[in-house]
Amino acid sequence: MGLTQMHIKELLDESRAHACDGVGPDHVCVKIAAIAELPSRFGQFHIVAFYNNHDDKEHVAIVRGDVTNAENVPVRVHSECLTGDVIGSLRCDCRDQLESALRMIGKMDQGILLYMRQEGRGIGLINKIRAYGLQEHGYDTVEANLALGFRDDERDYSVAAHMLESLKIKSIRLITNNPKKIEELKKNGVFVTGRIPHIMQPNQYNRFYLETKANKSGHLMDFSGKFRLPEQADHPVVKGMDDEQVEWVQEHYQD
């Protein structure tokens, strides 16, 4: 069962009446703007749109089941990636992670995917494309961000934390390989009770990117001579690959 009409009304009514000076040093104030049903190829969901006074971006929660006042809710915090999520770029694992998380949550009784408008780890689309250009000249993803004057990761998790608070989530199990996400959500008051690994198999275009995430950004992935990671056993063939790419994968990832 999804969010009931009573719970939807309660959430919207409370959000309309909600007045606050903001939470934390940035005075973040999050409100629910709208709720609607969202049938999808990954399952039946509700989509919850949020307003906030921190970044003026329209973030959403994709909600499975009745999560209000629930504990240990599986949650994926997914940052927007136009090139990966929409176009299917093989330079990253973003679309694979998005679809995998929705597919996983769609089979559960409860779960949430927060879709955060934080393109390029928070540096924006134009700067992400600039970083791509630098990577074509030998920079890794961290070095490219630093060369453009940014930190390795510019994302902020205060809005995501308060979105969960607005949905009345008591505690979560975070679907992630990134320990920084866990730390940042905890700093913002989210009770994280556990982690669900979310590792995608690499392809010829994103392997160096994933290795950099593991080696420089601390992501919990193992590239020490292993083609397959403990969390997965299948060949790293993903939707969108053409026959030549599939053939390459099968040739290089044999048992």
Protein backbone atom coordinates (compact mmCIF):
# COMPACT_ATOMS: atom_id res chain seq x y z
CA MET A 1 0.00 0.00 0.00
CA GLY A 2 1.28 3.46 -0.88
CA LEU A 3 0.75 6.74 0.88
CA THR A 4 -2.89 6.92 1.96
CA GLN A 5 -5.06 9.91 1.07
CA MET A 6 -5.19 10.74 4.77
CA HIS A 7 -1.41 10.79 5.05
CA ILE A 8 -1.08 12.85 1.85
CA LYS A 9 -3.55 15.39 3.21
CA GLU A 10 -1.73 15.49 6.56
CA LEU A 11 1.65 16.00 4.90
CA LEU A 12 0.35 18.78 2.64
CA ASP A 13 -1.61 20.49 5.42
CA GLU A 14 1.34 20.42 7.79
CA SER A 15 3.65 21.73 5.08
CA ARG A 16 1.32 24.63 4.25
CA ALA A 17 1.11 25.57 7.91
CA HIS A 18 4.81 25.04 8.47
CA ALA A 19 6.68 28.21 9.34
CA CYS A 20 10.29 28.10 10.40
CA ASP A 21 13.37 30.25 10.62
CA GLY A 22 15.36 27.44 9.05
CA VAL A 23 17.55 24.71 10.47
CA GLY A 24 21.31 24.79 10.80
CA PRO A 25 23.81 27.52 9.90
CA ASP A 26 22.25 27.99 6.43
CA HIS A 27 18.69 28.19 7.85
CA VAL A 28 17.41 25.47 5.55
CA CYS A 29 13.61 25.28 5.39
CA VAL A 30 11.98 22.54 3.28
CA LYS A 31 8.31 22.31 2.38
CA ILE A 32 6.28 19.76 0.43
CA ALA A 33 4.83 21.47 -2.64
CA ALA A 34 2.84 18.65 -4.26
CA ILE A 35 2.21 14.88 -4.14
CA ALA A 36 0.96 12.63 -6.95
CA GLU A 37 0.84 8.96 -7.93
CA LEU A 38 3.65 7.81 -10.22
CA PRO A 39 3.16 4.46 -11.96
CA SER A 40 6.42 3.51 -13.67
CA ARG A 41 8.24 0.67 -15.39
CA PHE A 42 9.97 0.08 -12.05
CA GLY A 43 6.81 -0.18 -9.96
CA GLN A 44 4.07 1.88 -8.35
CA PHE A 45 5.27 5.02 -6.55
CA HIS A 46 4.21 8.41 -5.32
CA ILE A 47 6.26 11.44 -6.33
CA VAL A 48 6.68 14.22 -3.78
CA ALA A 49 7.90 17.62 -4.96
CA PHE A 50 9.69 19.91 -2.53
CA TYR A 51 10.37 23.62 -2.22
CA ASN A 52 13.35 24.84 -0.20
CA ASN A 53 14.92 28.21 0.59
CA HIS A 54 18.51 26.98 0.33
CA ASP A 55 19.25 26.36 -3.35
CA ASP A 56 15.96 27.29 -5.09
CA LYS A 57 16.01 23.93 -6.92
CA GLU A 58 13.08 21.55 -7.34
CA HIS A 59 14.04 18.25 -5.70
CA VAL A 60 11.71 15.25 -5.54
CA ALA A 61 11.22 12.07 -3.55
CA ILE A 62 10.10 8.89 -5.33
CA VAL A 63 8.24 7.04 -2.59
CA ARG A 64 7.28 3.37 -2.43
CA GLY A 65 4.72 2.35 0.19
CA ASP A 66 3.57 4.22 3.27
CA VAL A 67 6.81 5.51 4.78
CA THR A 68 5.42 8.01 7.28
CA ASN A 69 6.74 7.35 10.80
CA ALA A 70 8.60 4.29 9.47
CA GLU A 71 11.98 2.98 10.64
CA ASN A 72 14.88 1.47 8.65
CA VAL A 73 13.47 2.74 5.35
CA PRO A 74 15.75 1.90 2.38
CA VAL A 75 16.76 5.26 0.86
CA ARG A 76 18.82 6.17 -2.19
CA VAL A 77 20.05 9.78 -2.47
CA HIS A 78 20.66 10.16 -6.21
CA SER A 79 22.26 13.25 -7.72
CA GLU A 80 20.97 14.40 -11.10
CA CYS A 81 23.11 13.44 -14.10
CA LEU A 82 21.73 14.61 -17.44
CA THR A 83 24.36 12.83 -19.52
CA GLY A 84 23.95 9.53 -17.68
CA ASP A 85 20.32 9.48 -16.50
CA VAL A 86 18.82 10.85 -19.72
CA ILE A 87 21.27 10.16 -22.56
CA GLY A 88 22.79 6.94 -21.21
CA SER A 89 26.42 8.05 -21.13
CA LEU A 90 28.86 5.23 -20.41
CA ARG A 91 31.37 7.65 -18.82
CA CYS A 92 29.70 7.18 -15.43
CA ASP A 93 27.49 4.67 -13.60
CA CYS A 94 24.70 7.13 -12.79
CA ARG A 95 21.94 5.71 -14.97
CA ASP A 96 22.79 2.17 -13.90
CA GLN A 97 22.58 3.23 -10.26
CA LEU A 98 19.32 5.13 -10.79
CA GLU A 99 17.58 2.26 -12.55
CA SER A 100 18.99 -0.34 -10.18
CA ALA A 101 17.80 1.62 -7.14
CA LEU A 102 14.30 2.16 -8.57
CA ARG A 103 14.08 -1.50 -9.53
CA MET A 104 15.21 -2.53 -6.04
CA ILE A 105 12.85 -0.16 -4.22
CA GLY A 106 9.99 -1.06 -6.57
CA LYS A 107 10.09 -4.63 -5.25
CA MET A 108 10.04 -3.54 -1.60
CA ASP A 109 7.12 -2.70 0.68
CA GLN A 110 8.75 0.64 1.53
CA GLY A 111 11.53 2.73 0.10
CA ILE A 112 12.51 6.18 -1.14
CA LEU A 113 14.69 7.59 -3.88
CA LEU A 114 15.57 11.26 -3.40
CA TYR A 115 16.34 12.80 -6.80
CA MET A 116 18.54 15.78 -6.02
CA ARG A 117 19.22 18.48 -8.61
CA GLN A 118 22.97 18.52 -7.93
CA GLU A 119 24.44 17.99 -11.38
CA GLY A 120 28.11 17.07 -11.57
CA ARG A 121 28.54 16.53 -7.82
CA GLY A 122 27.20 20.02 -7.29
CA ILE A 123 29.32 21.95 -9.84
CA GLY A 124 26.57 22.20 -12.49
CA LEU A 125 26.18 20.92 -16.02
CA ILE A 126 28.47 23.37 -17.82
CA ASN A 127 31.32 22.82 -15.38
CA LYS A 128 30.79 19.07 -15.57
CA ILE A 129 31.28 19.21 -19.34
CA ARG A 130 34.40 21.31 -18.75
CA ALA A 131 35.61 18.61 -16.37
CA TYR A 132 34.94 16.00 -19.06
CA GLY A 133 37.18 17.98 -21.40
CA LEU A 134 39.98 17.97 -18.85
CA GLN A 135 39.55 14.23 -18.34
CA GLU A 136 40.15 13.75 -22.06
CA HIS A 137 43.58 15.31 -21.47
CA GLY A 138 44.54 12.89 -18.69
CA TYR A 139 42.93 14.35 -15.57
CA ASP A 140 40.91 12.06 -13.36
CA THR A 141 37.50 13.22 -12.07
CA VAL A 142 38.93 14.59 -8.81
CA GLU A 143 41.82 16.41 -10.49
CA ALA A 144 39.43 17.94 -13.03
CA ASN A 145 37.16 19.36 -10.32
CA LEU A 146 40.14 20.78 -8.43
CA ALA A 147 41.57 22.31 -11.62
CA LEU A 148 38.27 24.15 -12.14
CA GLY A 149 38.46 25.59 -8.64
CA PHE A 150 36.01 23.22 -6.94
CA ARG A 151 36.33 20.62 -4.23
CA ASP A 152 36.20 16.93 -5.09
CA ASP A 153 32.51 16.95 -4.13
CA GLU A 154 30.43 20.14 -3.83
CA ARG A 155 27.15 18.44 -2.94
CA ASP A 156 25.14 19.54 0.09
CA TYR A 157 22.97 17.08 2.01
CA SER A 158 21.04 19.45 4.28
CA VAL A 159 18.07 19.68 1.91
CA ALA A 160 17.96 15.88 1.46
CA ALA A 161 17.99 15.44 5.23
CA HIS A 162 15.08 17.82 5.71
CA MET A 163 13.13 16.19 2.88
CA LEU A 164 13.27 12.96 4.87
CA GLU A 165 12.23 14.86 7.98
CA SER A 166 9.26 16.34 6.11
CA LEU A 167 8.17 12.81 5.19
CA LYS A 168 8.38 11.87 8.89
CA ILE A 169 11.01 9.19 8.37
CA LYS A 170 12.36 7.93 11.70
CA SER A 171 15.43 6.08 10.41
CA ILE A 172 16.91 4.86 7.14
CA ARG A 173 19.19 2.27 5.57
CA LEU A 174 21.17 4.17 2.96
CA ILE A 175 21.68 2.62 -0.48
CA THR A 176 25.21 3.82 -1.22
CA ASN A 177 28.90 3.04 -1.63
CA ASN A 178 29.88 6.50 -0.40
CA PRO A 179 30.59 6.78 3.35
CA LYS A 180 30.57 10.59 3.05
CA LYS A 181 26.85 10.50 2.29
CA ILE A 182 26.25 8.62 5.52
CA GLU A 183 28.37 11.08 7.50
CA GLU A 184 26.72 14.15 5.96
CA LEU A 185 23.18 12.88 6.50
CA LYS A 186 24.00 12.03 10.10
CA LYS A 187 25.41 15.54 10.62
CA ASN A 188 22.07 16.86 9.43
CA GLY A 189 20.06 14.82 11.89
CA VAL A 190 19.20 11.68 9.90
CA PHE A 191 19.33 8.44 11.88
CA VAL A 192 21.16 5.99 9.57
CA THR A 193 20.89 2.43 10.87
CA GLY A 194 22.74 0.65 8.06
CA ARG A 195 24.09 0.62 4.50
CA ILE A 196 22.93 -1.29 1.44
CA PRO A 197 25.82 -1.70 -1.09
CA HIS A 198 25.08 -0.37 -4.55
CA ILE A 199 27.95 -1.35 -6.83
CA MET A 200 27.66 -1.34 -10.61
CA GLN A 201 30.03 -3.32 -12.81
CA PRO A 202 32.45 -1.13 -14.79
CA ASN A 203 32.66 -0.83 -18.55
CA GLN A 204 35.57 0.21 -20.75
CA TYR A 205 34.56 3.88 -20.56
CA ASN A 206 33.94 4.32 -16.83
CA ARG A 207 36.36 1.92 -15.15
CA PHE A 208 38.98 4.64 -14.48
CA TYR A 209 36.22 6.93 -13.16
CA LEU A 210 35.04 4.23 -10.74
CA GLU A 211 38.61 3.42 -9.69
CA THR A 212 39.11 7.11 -8.89
CA LYS A 213 35.94 7.14 -6.79
CA ALA A 214 37.28 4.16 -4.84
CA ASN A 215 40.91 5.30 -4.53
CA LYS A 216 40.51 9.05 -4.04
CA SER A 217 36.96 9.60 -2.80
CA GLY A 218 36.76 6.65 -0.43
CA HIS A 219 33.87 4.83 -2.09
CA LEU A 220 33.49 1.28 -0.79
CA MET A 221 34.43 -0.59 -3.98
CA ASP A 222 37.21 -3.08 -4.56
CA PHE A 223 39.36 -2.85 -7.70
CA SER A 224 42.34 -4.84 -6.45
CA GLY A 225 42.59 -7.10 -9.47
CA LYS A 226 38.99 -8.23 -9.32
CA PHE A 227 36.80 -7.93 -12.38
CA ARG A 228 33.74 -8.91 -10.37
CA LEU A 229 32.77 -7.33 -7.11
CA PRO A 230 31.32 -9.27 -4.17
CA GLU A 231 27.89 -7.69 -4.54
CA GLN A 232 27.42 -8.83 -8.13
CA ALA A 233 28.01 -11.98 -10.12
CA ASP A 234 26.70 -11.07 -13.56
CA HIS A 235 28.75 -9.80 -16.49
CA PRO A 236 28.72 -5.96 -16.50
CA VAL A 237 26.32 -5.69 -19.44
CA VAL A 238 23.85 -2.86 -19.04
CA LYS A 239 20.90 -1.65 -21.07
CA GLY A 240 21.93 0.70 -23.85
CA MET A 241 25.13 -1.10 -24.84
CA ASP A 242 25.43 -1.98 -28.52
CA ASP A 243 26.58 -5.38 -29.81
CA GLU A 244 30.21 -4.29 -30.05
CA GLN A 245 30.26 -3.12 -26.44
CA VAL A 246 28.59 -6.33 -25.23
CA GLU A 247 31.14 -8.40 -27.17
CA TRP A 248 33.98 -6.43 -25.57
CA VAL A 249 32.58 -7.04 -22.08
CA GLN A 250 32.15 -10.75 -22.67
CA GLU A 251 35.70 -11.01 -24.03
CA HIS A 252 37.32 -9.17 -21.11
CA TYR A 253 35.21 -10.45 -18.21
CA GLN A 254 35.46 -14.19 -18.48
CA ASP A 255 35.31 -16.57 -15.52
